[in-house]
Amino acid sequence: MIGNLREMTCALLQSRGCTVMTAADGKSALALAARRRSDVAFVDIDLPDISGYVVARTLARQGGIPLVAVTGYGQPDDVRRALAAGFDLHLKKPVRLDELERALGEPDPVR
């Protein structure tokens, strides 16, 4: 997630007791994921360097991390494309608090 939206989402998750790690772009996210195992990864589709789809495909190949697409794209084809790239769940911006909580509370997010 980019800029203020990422910061607000991180603050919200931290207020709920979550430990949050952030990356401002896809390559940094992949490097972070290689260093630290996460319980869930929220990935924006539109990243400044590489696509969130590339991030998802890479992380999905590594396995084990539930991946949540966070995007402004919400058409049925967008959801299908995200799931095909390896995302477990697709959330359309603006993401509601109950959607974030559902994504965190489900060990294996539903599609």
PDB file of N, CA and C in Angstrom:
ATOM      1  N   MET A   1       0.846  -1.164   0.000  1.00  0.00           N
ATOM      2  CA  MET A   1       0.000   0.000   0.000  1.00  0.00           C
ATOM      3  C   MET A   1       0.892   1.228   0.000  1.00  0.00           C
ATOM      4  N   ILE A   2       0.462   2.251  -0.650  1.00  0.00           N
ATOM      5  CA  ILE A   2       1.317   3.397  -0.870  1.00  0.00           C
ATOM      6  C   ILE A   2       0.981   4.535   0.085  1.00  0.00           C
ATOM      7  N   GLY A   3       2.037   5.207   0.572  1.00  0.00           N
ATOM      8  CA  GLY A   3       1.928   6.449   1.312  1.00  0.00           C
ATOM      9  C   GLY A   3       1.032   6.416   2.530  1.00  0.00           C
ATOM     10  N   ASN A   4       0.155   7.421   2.631  1.00  0.00           N
ATOM     11  CA  ASN A   4      -0.666   7.602   3.815  1.00  0.00           C
ATOM     12  C   ASN A   4      -1.590   6.427   4.095  1.00  0.00           C
ATOM     13  N   LEU A   5      -2.128   5.794   3.064  1.00  0.00           N
ATOM     14  CA  LEU A   5      -2.991   4.635   3.263  1.00  0.00           C
ATOM     15  C   LEU A   5      -2.214   3.522   3.963  1.00  0.00           C
ATOM     16  N   ARG A   6      -0.996   3.282   3.544  1.00  0.00           N
ATOM     17  CA  ARG A   6      -0.165   2.265   4.184  1.00  0.00           C
ATOM     18  C   ARG A   6       0.082   2.628   5.640  1.00  0.00           C
ATOM     19  N   GLU A   7       0.407   3.870   5.893  1.00  0.00           N
ATOM     20  CA  GLU A   7       0.686   4.313   7.262  1.00  0.00           C
ATOM     21  C   GLU A   7      -0.550   4.192   8.145  1.00  0.00           C
ATOM     22  N   MET A   8      -1.700   4.575   7.629  1.00  0.00           N
ATOM     23  CA  MET A   8      -2.938   4.480   8.410  1.00  0.00           C
ATOM     24  C   MET A   8      -3.297   3.025   8.693  1.00  0.00           C
ATOM     25  N   THR A   9      -3.138   2.184   7.700  1.00  0.00           N
ATOM     26  CA  THR A   9      -3.450   0.767   7.884  1.00  0.00           C
ATOM     27  C   THR A   9      -2.501   0.148   8.907  1.00  0.00           C
ATOM     28  N   CYS A  10      -1.227   0.493   8.824  1.00  0.00           N
ATOM     29  CA  CYS A  10      -0.250  -0.011   9.790  1.00  0.00           C
ATOM     30  C   CYS A  10      -0.595   0.435  11.199  1.00  0.00           C
ATOM     31  N   ALA A  11      -0.937   1.704  11.365  1.00  0.00           N
ATOM     32  CA  ALA A  11      -1.308   2.216  12.684  1.00  0.00           C
ATOM     33  C   ALA A  11      -2.537   1.494  13.224  1.00  0.00           C
ATOM     34  N   LEU A  12      -3.506   1.259  12.370  1.00  0.00           N
ATOM     35  CA  LEU A  12      -4.713   0.548  12.781  1.00  0.00           C
ATOM     36  C   LEU A  12      -4.377  -0.880  13.223  1.00  0.00           C
ATOM     37  N   LEU A  13      -3.572  -1.565  12.441  1.00  0.00           N
ATOM     38  CA  LEU A  13      -3.191  -2.935  12.791  1.00  0.00           C
ATOM     39  C   LEU A  13      -2.379  -2.970  14.087  1.00  0.00           C
ATOM     40  N   GLN A  14      -1.483  -2.003  14.262  1.00  0.00           N
ATOM     41  CA  GLN A  14      -0.694  -1.934  15.490  1.00  0.00           C
ATOM     42  C   GLN A  14      -1.586  -1.667  16.696  1.00  0.00           C
ATOM     43  N   SER A  15      -2.612  -0.848  16.517  1.00  0.00           N
ATOM     44  CA  SER A  15      -3.531  -0.574  17.628  1.00  0.00           C
ATOM     45  C   SER A  15      -4.310  -1.820  18.021  1.00  0.00           C
ATOM     46  N   ARG A  16      -4.382  -2.792  17.130  1.00  0.00           N
ATOM     47  CA  ARG A  16      -5.050  -4.076  17.395  1.00  0.00           C
ATOM     48  C   ARG A  16      -4.069  -5.125  17.927  1.00  0.00           C
ATOM     49  N   GLY A  17      -2.817  -4.702  18.183  1.00  0.00           N
ATOM     50  CA  GLY A  17      -1.834  -5.609  18.759  1.00  0.00           C
ATOM     51  C   GLY A  17      -0.980  -6.360  17.756  1.00  0.00           C
ATOM     52  N   CYS A  18      -1.087  -6.014  16.492  1.00  0.00           N
ATOM     53  CA  CYS A  18      -0.293  -6.688  15.455  1.00  0.00           C
ATOM     54  C   CYS A  18       1.103  -6.095  15.379  1.00  0.00           C
ATOM     55  N   THR A  19       2.071  -6.943  15.111  1.00  0.00           N
ATOM     56  CA  THR A  19       3.408  -6.484  14.770  1.00  0.00           C
ATOM     57  C   THR A  19       3.405  -6.271  13.263  1.00  0.00           C
ATOM     58  N   VAL A  20       3.796  -5.084  12.832  1.00  0.00           N
ATOM     59  CA  VAL A  20       3.684  -4.721  11.422  1.00  0.00           C
ATOM     60  C   VAL A  20       5.061  -4.408  10.854  1.00  0.00           C
ATOM     61  N   MET A  21       5.331  -4.973   9.697  1.00  0.00           N
ATOM     62  CA  MET A  21       6.534  -4.655   8.932  1.00  0.00           C
ATOM     63  C   MET A  21       6.052  -4.095   7.604  1.00  0.00           C
ATOM     64  N   THR A  22       6.710  -3.064   7.102  1.00  0.00           N
ATOM     65  CA  THR A  22       6.250  -2.454   5.860  1.00  0.00           C
ATOM     66  C   THR A  22       7.374  -2.359   4.838  1.00  0.00           C
ATOM     67  N   ALA A  23       6.941  -2.298   3.602  1.00  0.00           N
ATOM     68  CA  ALA A  23       7.855  -2.069   2.489  1.00  0.00           C
ATOM     69  C   ALA A  23       7.131  -1.140   1.521  1.00  0.00           C
ATOM     70  N   ALA A  24       7.846  -0.191   0.974  1.00  0.00           N
ATOM     71  CA  ALA A  24       7.241   0.803   0.088  1.00  0.00           C
ATOM     72  C   ALA A  24       7.172   0.353  -1.363  1.00  0.00           C
ATOM     73  N   ASP A  25       7.831  -0.774  -1.684  1.00  0.00           N
ATOM     74  CA  ASP A  25       7.807  -1.256  -3.066  1.00  0.00           C
ATOM     75  C   ASP A  25       7.932  -2.776  -3.070  1.00  0.00           C
ATOM     76  N   GLY A  26       7.739  -3.361  -4.225  1.00  0.00           N
ATOM     77  CA  GLY A  26       7.727  -4.809  -4.346  1.00  0.00           C
ATOM     78  C   GLY A  26       9.045  -5.481  -4.044  1.00  0.00           C
ATOM     79  N   LYS A  27      10.129  -4.931  -4.550  1.00  0.00           N
ATOM     80  CA  LYS A  27      11.443  -5.539  -4.318  1.00  0.00           C
ATOM     81  C   LYS A  27      11.793  -5.519  -2.833  1.00  0.00           C
ATOM     82  N   SER A  28      11.478  -4.424  -2.165  1.00  0.00           N
ATOM     83  CA  SER A  28      11.717  -4.345  -0.718  1.00  0.00           C
ATOM     84  C   SER A  28      10.840  -5.339   0.036  1.00  0.00           C
ATOM     85  N   ALA A  29       9.613  -5.528  -0.436  1.00  0.00           N
ATOM     86  CA  ALA A  29       8.702  -6.493   0.196  1.00  0.00           C
ATOM     87  C   ALA A  29       9.252  -7.912   0.075  1.00  0.00           C
ATOM     88  N   LEU A  30       9.762  -8.253  -1.101  1.00  0.00           N
ATOM     89  CA  LEU A  30      10.331  -9.585  -1.290  1.00  0.00           C
ATOM     90  C   LEU A  30      11.570  -9.790  -0.417  1.00  0.00           C
ATOM     91  N   ALA A  31      12.400  -8.759  -0.310  1.00  0.00           N
ATOM     92  CA  ALA A  31      13.586  -8.845   0.543  1.00  0.00           C
ATOM     93  C   ALA A  31      13.186  -9.003   2.010  1.00  0.00           C
ATOM     94  N   LEU A  32      12.178  -8.266   2.434  1.00  0.00           N
ATOM     95  CA  LEU A  32      11.683  -8.360   3.802  1.00  0.00           C
ATOM     96  C   LEU A  32      11.126  -9.755   4.074  1.00  0.00           C
ATOM     97  N   ALA A  33      10.346 -10.278   3.147  1.00  0.00           N
ATOM     98  CA  ALA A  33       9.764 -11.612   3.307  1.00  0.00           C
ATOM     99  C   ALA A  33      10.848 -12.692   3.375  1.00  0.00           C
ATOM    100  N   ALA A  34      11.955 -12.463   2.693  1.00  0.00           N
ATOM    101  CA  ALA A  34      13.057 -13.430   2.733  1.00  0.00           C
ATOM    102  C   ALA A  34      13.745 -13.435   4.093  1.00  0.00           C
ATOM    103  N   ARG A  35      13.706 -12.289   4.783  1.00  0.00           N
ATOM    104  CA  ARG A  35      14.365 -12.163   6.092  1.00  0.00           C
ATOM    105  C   ARG A  35      13.466 -12.550   7.258  1.00  0.00           C
ATOM    106  N   ARG A  36      12.172 -12.265   7.132  1.00  0.00           N
ATOM    107  CA  ARG A  36      11.244 -12.465   8.250  1.00  0.00           C
ATOM    108  C   ARG A  36       9.989 -13.164   7.782  1.00  0.00           C
ATOM    109  N   ARG A  37       9.567 -14.142   8.511  1.00  0.00           N
ATOM    110  CA  ARG A  37       8.342 -14.882   8.200  1.00  0.00           C
ATOM    111  C   ARG A  37       7.149 -14.107   8.752  1.00  0.00           C
ATOM    112  N   SER A  38       6.138 -13.912   7.935  1.00  0.00           N
ATOM    113  CA  SER A  38       4.937 -13.184   8.344  1.00  0.00           C
ATOM    114  C   SER A  38       3.768 -14.138   8.486  1.00  0.00           C
ATOM    115  N   ASP A  39       2.792 -13.737   9.284  1.00  0.00           N
ATOM    116  CA  ASP A  39       1.556 -14.501   9.417  1.00  0.00           C
ATOM    117  C   ASP A  39       0.622 -14.224   8.247  1.00  0.00           C
ATOM    118  N   VAL A  40       0.710 -13.015   7.706  1.00  0.00           N
ATOM    119  CA  VAL A  40      -0.102 -12.621   6.555  1.00  0.00           C
ATOM    120  C   VAL A  40       0.594 -11.451   5.877  1.00  0.00           C
ATOM    121  N   ALA A  41       0.433 -11.345   4.561  1.00  0.00           N
ATOM    122  CA  ALA A  41       1.006 -10.214   3.822  1.00  0.00           C
ATOM    123  C   ALA A  41      -0.103  -9.512   3.055  1.00  0.00           C
ATOM    124  N   PHE A  42      -0.223  -8.224   3.294  1.00  0.00           N
ATOM    125  CA  PHE A  42      -1.139  -7.371   2.543  1.00  0.00           C
ATOM    126  C   PHE A  42      -0.309  -6.706   1.455  1.00  0.00           C
ATOM    127  N   VAL A  43      -0.676  -6.915   0.207  1.00  0.00           N
ATOM    128  CA  VAL A  43       0.129  -6.415  -0.907  1.00  0.00           C
ATOM    129  C   VAL A  43      -0.749  -5.607  -1.849  1.00  0.00           C
ATOM    130  N   ASP A  44      -0.332  -4.388  -2.120  1.00  0.00           N
ATOM    131  CA  ASP A  44      -1.026  -3.558  -3.099  1.00  0.00           C
ATOM    132  C   ASP A  44      -0.688  -4.079  -4.490  1.00  0.00           C
ATOM    133  N   ILE A  45      -1.618  -3.993  -5.402  1.00  0.00           N
ATOM    134  CA  ILE A  45      -1.368  -4.422  -6.778  1.00  0.00           C
ATOM    135  C   ILE A  45      -0.476  -3.413  -7.500  1.00  0.00           C
ATOM    136  N   ASP A  46      -0.732  -2.127  -7.294  1.00  0.00           N
ATOM    137  CA  ASP A  46       0.046  -1.074  -7.961  1.00  0.00           C
ATOM    138  C   ASP A  46       1.209  -0.636  -7.080  1.00  0.00           C
ATOM    139  N   LEU A  47       2.371  -1.196  -7.345  1.00  0.00           N
ATOM    140  CA  LEU A  47       3.577  -0.824  -6.618  1.00  0.00           C
ATOM    141  C   LEU A  47       4.476  -0.021  -7.551  1.00  0.00           C
ATOM    142  N   PRO A  48       5.354   0.807  -6.986  1.00  0.00           N
ATOM    143  CA  PRO A  48       6.151   1.687  -7.841  1.00  0.00           C
ATOM    144  C   PRO A  48       7.206   0.997  -8.697  1.00  0.00           C
ATOM    145  N   ASP A  49       7.612  -0.212  -8.333  1.00  0.00           N
ATOM    146  CA  ASP A  49       8.689  -0.841  -9.096  1.00  0.00           C
ATOM    147  C   ASP A  49       8.231  -2.088  -9.849  1.00  0.00           C
ATOM    148  N   ILE A  50       7.700  -3.057  -9.148  1.00  0.00           N
ATOM    149  CA  ILE A  50       7.187  -4.269  -9.790  1.00  0.00           C
ATOM    150  C   ILE A  50       5.734  -4.453  -9.372  1.00  0.00           C
ATOM    151  N   SER A  51       5.010  -5.181 -10.146  1.00  0.00           N
ATOM    152  CA  SER A  51       3.592  -5.390  -9.875  1.00  0.00           C
ATOM    153  C   SER A  51       3.381  -6.226  -8.617  1.00  0.00           C
ATOM    154  N   GLY A  52       2.289  -5.939  -7.918  1.00  0.00           N
ATOM    155  CA  GLY A  52       1.897  -6.780  -6.791  1.00  0.00           C
ATOM    156  C   GLY A  52       1.633  -8.209  -7.216  1.00  0.00           C
ATOM    157  N   TYR A  53       1.255  -8.407  -8.482  1.00  0.00           N
ATOM    158  CA  TYR A  53       1.070  -9.765  -8.997  1.00  0.00           C
ATOM    159  C   TYR A  53       2.392 -10.528  -9.000  1.00  0.00           C
ATOM    160  N   VAL A  54       3.480  -9.848  -9.356  1.00  0.00           N
ATOM    161  CA  VAL A  54       4.807 -10.467  -9.351  1.00  0.00           C
ATOM    162  C   VAL A  54       5.198 -10.823  -7.920  1.00  0.00           C
ATOM    163  N   VAL A  55       4.941  -9.910  -6.999  1.00  0.00           N
ATOM    164  CA  VAL A  55       5.225 -10.167  -5.584  1.00  0.00           C
ATOM    165  C   VAL A  55       4.438 -11.395  -5.131  1.00  0.00           C
ATOM    166  N   ALA A  56       3.149 -11.448  -5.462  1.00  0.00           N
ATOM    167  CA  ALA A  56       2.307 -12.567  -5.042  1.00  0.00           C
ATOM    168  C   ALA A  56       2.797 -13.890  -5.626  1.00  0.00           C
ATOM    169  N   ARG A  57       3.109 -13.898  -6.921  1.00  0.00           N
ATOM    170  CA  ARG A  57       3.588 -15.146  -7.544  1.00  0.00           C
ATOM    171  C   ARG A  57       4.872 -15.629  -6.877  1.00  0.00           C
ATOM    172  N   THR A  58       5.763 -14.701  -6.573  1.00  0.00           N
ATOM    173  CA  THR A  58       7.030 -15.064  -5.940  1.00  0.00           C
ATOM    174  C   THR A  58       6.800 -15.609  -4.539  1.00  0.00           C
ATOM    175  N   LEU A  59       5.997 -14.911  -3.741  1.00  0.00           N
ATOM    176  CA  LEU A  59       5.727 -15.363  -2.378  1.00  0.00           C
ATOM    177  C   LEU A  59       4.922 -16.654  -2.361  1.00  0.00           C
ATOM    178  N   ALA A  60       3.989 -16.799  -3.290  1.00  0.00           N
ATOM    179  CA  ALA A  60       3.180 -18.023  -3.353  1.00  0.00           C
ATOM    180  C   ALA A  60       4.056 -19.239  -3.649  1.00  0.00           C
ATOM    181  N   ARG A  61       5.062 -19.069  -4.505  1.00  0.00           N
ATOM    182  CA  ARG A  61       5.986 -20.176  -4.801  1.00  0.00           C
ATOM    183  C   ARG A  61       6.758 -20.591  -3.552  1.00  0.00           C
ATOM    184  N   GLN A  62       7.052 -19.612  -2.683  1.00  0.00           N
ATOM    185  CA  GLN A  62       7.772 -19.914  -1.448  1.00  0.00           C
ATOM    186  C   GLN A  62       6.846 -20.607  -0.447  1.00  0.00           C
ATOM    187  N   GLY A  63       5.557 -20.336  -0.574  1.00  0.00           N
ATOM    188  CA  GLY A  63       4.538 -21.010   0.225  1.00  0.00           C
ATOM    189  C   GLY A  63       4.423 -20.527   1.652  1.00  0.00           C
ATOM    190  N   GLY A  64       3.260 -20.801   2.206  1.00  0.00           N
ATOM    191  CA  GLY A  64       3.050 -20.622   3.624  1.00  0.00           C
ATOM    192  C   GLY A  64       2.529 -19.291   4.115  1.00  0.00           C
ATOM    193  N   ILE A  65       2.679 -18.226   3.364  1.00  0.00           N
ATOM    194  CA  ILE A  65       2.205 -16.919   3.822  1.00  0.00           C
ATOM    195  C   ILE A  65       0.864 -16.628   3.155  1.00  0.00           C
ATOM    196  N   PRO A  66      -0.205 -16.473   3.923  1.00  0.00           N
ATOM    197  CA  PRO A  66      -1.459 -16.046   3.305  1.00  0.00           C
ATOM    198  C   PRO A  66      -1.274 -14.653   2.694  1.00  0.00           C
ATOM    199  N   LEU A  67      -1.706 -14.503   1.463  1.00  0.00           N
ATOM    200  CA  LEU A  67      -1.519 -13.251   0.726  1.00  0.00           C
ATOM    201  C   LEU A  67      -2.858 -12.576   0.487  1.00  0.00           C
ATOM    202  N   VAL A  68      -2.911 -11.287   0.817  1.00  0.00           N
ATOM    203  CA  VAL A  68      -4.132 -10.504   0.650  1.00  0.00           C
ATOM    204  C   VAL A  68      -3.852  -9.360  -0.311  1.00  0.00           C
ATOM    205  N   ALA A  69      -4.570  -9.344  -1.427  1.00  0.00           N
ATOM    206  CA  ALA A  69      -4.460  -8.240  -2.382  1.00  0.00           C
ATOM    207  C   ALA A  69      -5.268  -7.067  -1.843  1.00  0.00           C
ATOM    208  N   VAL A  70      -4.663  -5.896  -1.839  1.00  0.00           N
ATOM    209  CA  VAL A  70      -5.343  -4.669  -1.445  1.00  0.00           C
ATOM    210  C   VAL A  70      -5.243  -3.740  -2.640  1.00  0.00           C
ATOM    211  N   THR A  71      -6.387  -3.438  -3.246  1.00  0.00           N
ATOM    212  CA  THR A  71      -6.343  -2.754  -4.530  1.00  0.00           C
ATOM    213  C   THR A  71      -7.593  -1.937  -4.786  1.00  0.00           C
ATOM    214  N   GLY A  72      -7.459  -0.993  -5.670  1.00  0.00           N
ATOM    215  CA  GLY A  72      -8.608  -0.223  -6.131  1.00  0.00           C
ATOM    216  C   GLY A  72      -9.364  -0.933  -7.233  1.00  0.00           C
ATOM    217  N   TYR A  73      -8.785  -2.015  -7.737  1.00  0.00           N
ATOM    218  CA  TYR A  73      -9.405  -2.778  -8.817  1.00  0.00           C
ATOM    219  C   TYR A  73     -10.352  -3.810  -8.218  1.00  0.00           C
ATOM    220  N   GLY A  74     -11.637  -3.720  -8.556  1.00  0.00           N
ATOM    221  CA  GLY A  74     -12.598  -4.603  -7.921  1.00  0.00           C
ATOM    222  C   GLY A  74     -13.551  -5.327  -8.847  1.00  0.00           C
ATOM    223  N   GLN A  75     -13.301  -5.295 -10.141  1.00  0.00           N
ATOM    224  CA  GLN A  75     -14.158  -6.005 -11.077  1.00  0.00           C
ATOM    225  C   GLN A  75     -13.906  -7.516 -10.958  1.00  0.00           C
ATOM    226  N   PRO A  76     -14.865  -8.339 -11.374  1.00  0.00           N
ATOM    227  CA  PRO A  76     -14.673  -9.793 -11.274  1.00  0.00           C
ATOM    228  C   PRO A  76     -13.381 -10.286 -11.932  1.00  0.00           C
ATOM    229  N   ASP A  77     -13.007  -9.719 -13.078  1.00  0.00           N
ATOM    230  CA  ASP A  77     -11.750 -10.116 -13.721  1.00  0.00           C
ATOM    231  C   ASP A  77     -10.536  -9.752 -12.869  1.00  0.00           C
ATOM    232  N   ASP A  78     -10.624  -8.625 -12.149  1.00  0.00           N
ATOM    233  CA  ASP A  78      -9.533  -8.223 -11.264  1.00  0.00           C
ATOM    234  C   ASP A  78      -9.369  -9.219 -10.123  1.00  0.00           C
ATOM    235  N   VAL A  79     -10.488  -9.656  -9.570  1.00  0.00           N
ATOM    236  CA  VAL A  79     -10.449 -10.636  -8.481  1.00  0.00           C
ATOM    237  C   VAL A  79      -9.863 -11.947  -9.002  1.00  0.00           C
ATOM    238  N   ARG A  80     -10.324 -12.411 -10.152  1.00  0.00           N
ATOM    239  CA  ARG A  80      -9.802 -13.653 -10.735  1.00  0.00           C
ATOM    240  C   ARG A  80      -8.298 -13.558 -10.988  1.00  0.00           C
ATOM    241  N   ARG A  81      -7.868 -12.417 -11.520  1.00  0.00           N
ATOM    242  CA  ARG A  81      -6.437 -12.245 -11.811  1.00  0.00           C
ATOM    243  C   ARG A  81      -5.611 -12.284 -10.520  1.00  0.00           C
ATOM    244  N   ALA A  82      -6.109 -11.649  -9.473  1.00  0.00           N
ATOM    245  CA  ALA A  82      -5.391 -11.662  -8.194  1.00  0.00           C
ATOM    246  C   ALA A  82      -5.301 -13.079  -7.638  1.00  0.00           C
ATOM    247  N   LEU A  83      -6.396 -13.807  -7.663  1.00  0.00           N
ATOM    248  CA  LEU A  83      -6.385 -15.170  -7.141  1.00  0.00           C
ATOM    249  C   LEU A  83      -5.479 -16.067  -7.983  1.00  0.00           C
ATOM    250  N   ALA A  84      -5.476 -15.862  -9.298  1.00  0.00           N
ATOM    251  CA  ALA A  84      -4.608 -16.645 -10.183  1.00  0.00           C
ATOM    252  C   ALA A  84      -3.133 -16.353  -9.926  1.00  0.00           C
ATOM    253  N   ALA A  85      -2.826 -15.147  -9.469  1.00  0.00           N
ATOM    254  CA  ALA A  85      -1.433 -14.768  -9.187  1.00  0.00           C
ATOM    255  C   ALA A  85      -0.942 -15.347  -7.864  1.00  0.00           C
ATOM    256  N   GLY A  86      -1.868 -15.894  -7.063  1.00  0.00           N
ATOM    257  CA  GLY A  86      -1.450 -16.493  -5.797  1.00  0.00           C
ATOM    258  C   GLY A  86      -2.020 -15.834  -4.561  1.00  0.00           C
ATOM    259  N   PHE A  87      -2.789 -14.768  -4.739  1.00  0.00           N
ATOM    260  CA  PHE A  87      -3.428 -14.157  -3.578  1.00  0.00           C
ATOM    261  C   PHE A  87      -4.509 -15.090  -3.052  1.00  0.00           C
ATOM    262  N   ASP A  88      -4.670 -15.103  -1.730  1.00  0.00           N
ATOM    263  CA  ASP A  88      -5.697 -15.910  -1.088  1.00  0.00           C
ATOM    264  C   ASP A  88      -6.999 -15.142  -0.901  1.00  0.00           C
ATOM    265  N   LEU A  89      -6.880 -13.825  -0.858  1.00  0.00           N
ATOM    266  CA  LEU A  89      -8.030 -12.971  -0.605  1.00  0.00           C
ATOM    267  C   LEU A  89      -7.840 -11.669  -1.359  1.00  0.00           C
ATOM    268  N   HIS A  90      -8.927 -11.089  -1.829  1.00  0.00           N
ATOM    269  CA  HIS A  90      -8.903  -9.842  -2.592  1.00  0.00           C
ATOM    270  C   HIS A  90      -9.747  -8.818  -1.847  1.00  0.00           C
ATOM    271  N   LEU A  91      -9.135  -7.699  -1.434  1.00  0.00           N
ATOM    272  CA  LEU A  91      -9.855  -6.618  -0.766  1.00  0.00           C
ATOM    273  C   LEU A  91      -9.769  -5.361  -1.614  1.00  0.00           C
ATOM    274  N   LYS A  92     -10.911  -4.745  -1.842  1.00  0.00           N
ATOM    275  CA  LYS A  92     -10.960  -3.517  -2.633  1.00  0.00           C
ATOM    276  C   LYS A  92     -10.884  -2.308  -1.715  1.00  0.00           C
ATOM    277  N   LYS A  93     -10.055  -1.344  -2.111  1.00  0.00           N
ATOM    278  CA  LYS A  93      -9.948  -0.086  -1.369  1.00  0.00           C
ATOM    279  C   LYS A  93     -11.215   0.726  -1.570  1.00  0.00           C
ATOM    280  N   PRO A  94     -11.625   1.477  -0.603  1.00  0.00           N
ATOM    281  CA  PRO A  94     -11.062   1.508   0.750  1.00  0.00           C
ATOM    282  C   PRO A  94     -11.464   0.256   1.520  1.00  0.00           C
ATOM    283  N   VAL A  95     -10.490  -0.325   2.191  1.00  0.00           N
ATOM    284  CA  VAL A  95     -10.719  -1.553   2.946  1.00  0.00           C
ATOM    285  C   VAL A  95     -11.353  -1.190   4.286  1.00  0.00           C
ATOM    286  N   ARG A  96     -12.405  -1.904   4.608  1.00  0.00           N
ATOM    287  CA  ARG A  96     -13.097  -1.664   5.880  1.00  0.00           C
ATOM    288  C   ARG A  96     -12.391  -2.426   7.005  1.00  0.00           C
ATOM    289  N   LEU A  97     -12.554  -1.933   8.218  1.00  0.00           N
ATOM    290  CA  LEU A  97     -11.937  -2.547   9.386  1.00  0.00           C
ATOM    291  C   LEU A  97     -12.345  -4.011   9.525  1.00  0.00           C
ATOM    292  N   ASP A  98     -13.619  -4.317   9.314  1.00  0.00           N
ATOM    293  CA  ASP A  98     -14.061  -5.705   9.463  1.00  0.00           C
ATOM    294  C   ASP A  98     -13.390  -6.616   8.425  1.00  0.00           C
ATOM    295  N   GLU A  99     -13.081  -6.090   7.251  1.00  0.00           N
ATOM    296  CA  GLU A  99     -12.381  -6.878   6.235  1.00  0.00           C
ATOM    297  C   GLU A  99     -10.944  -7.166   6.665  1.00  0.00           C
ATOM    298  N   LEU A 100     -10.274  -6.155   7.230  1.00  0.00           N
ATOM    299  CA  LEU A 100      -8.911  -6.369   7.737  1.00  0.00           C
ATOM    300  C   LEU A 100      -8.916  -7.405   8.851  1.00  0.00           C
ATOM    301  N   GLU A 101      -9.871  -7.270   9.762  1.00  0.00           N
ATOM    302  CA  GLU A 101      -9.946  -8.203  10.881  1.00  0.00           C
ATOM    303  C   GLU A 101     -10.234  -9.617  10.396  1.00  0.00           C
ATOM    304  N   ARG A 102     -11.090  -9.754   9.391  1.00  0.00           N
ATOM    305  CA  ARG A 102     -11.383 -11.077   8.840  1.00  0.00           C
ATOM    306  C   ARG A 102     -10.124 -11.673   8.216  1.00  0.00           C
ATOM    307  N   ALA A 103      -9.377 -10.847   7.482  1.00  0.00           N
ATOM    308  CA  ALA A 103      -8.150 -11.328   6.849  1.00  0.00           C
ATOM    309  C   ALA A 103      -7.131 -11.774   7.905  1.00  0.00           C
ATOM    310  N   LEU A 104      -7.080 -11.087   9.019  1.00  0.00           N
ATOM    311  CA  LEU A 104      -6.146 -11.449  10.092  1.00  0.00           C
ATOM    312  C   LEU A 104      -6.619 -12.650  10.890  1.00  0.00           C
ATOM    313  N   GLY A 105      -7.936 -12.785  11.016  1.00  0.00           N
ATOM    314  CA  GLY A 105      -8.487 -13.815  11.891  1.00  0.00           C
ATOM    315  C   GLY A 105      -8.622 -15.177  11.263  1.00  0.00           C
ATOM    316  N   GLU A 106      -8.472 -15.262   9.963  1.00  0.00           N
ATOM    317  CA  GLU A 106      -8.609 -16.541   9.281  1.00  0.00           C
ATOM    318  C   GLU A 106      -7.242 -17.087   8.932  1.00  0.00           C
ATOM    319  N   PRO A 107      -6.866 -18.225   9.510  1.00  0.00           N
ATOM    320  CA  PRO A 107      -5.541 -18.762   9.216  1.00  0.00           C
ATOM    321  C   PRO A 107      -5.361 -19.108   7.747  1.00  0.00           C
ATOM    322  N   ASP A 108      -6.440 -19.466   7.064  1.00  0.00           N
ATOM    323  CA  ASP A 108      -6.388 -19.766   5.640  1.00  0.00           C
ATOM    324  C   ASP A 108      -7.505 -18.956   4.989  1.00  0.00           C
ATOM    325  N   PRO A 109      -7.218 -17.685   4.598  1.00  0.00           N
ATOM    326  CA  PRO A 109      -8.283 -16.817   4.088  1.00  0.00           C
ATOM    327  C   PRO A 109      -9.079 -17.476   2.966  1.00  0.00           C
ATOM    328  N   VAL A 110     -10.372 -17.223   2.990  1.00  0.00           N
ATOM    329  CA  VAL A 110     -11.236 -17.756   1.946  1.00  0.00           C
ATOM    330  C   VAL A 110     -11.223 -16.829   0.760  1.00  0.00           C
ATOM    331  N   ARG A 111     -11.496 -17.386  -0.392  1.00  0.00           N
ATOM    332  CA  ARG A 111     -11.504 -16.575  -1.617  1.00  0.00           C
ATOM    333  C   ARG A 111     -12.833 -15.962  -1.705  1.00  0.00           C
TER     334      ARG A 111
END
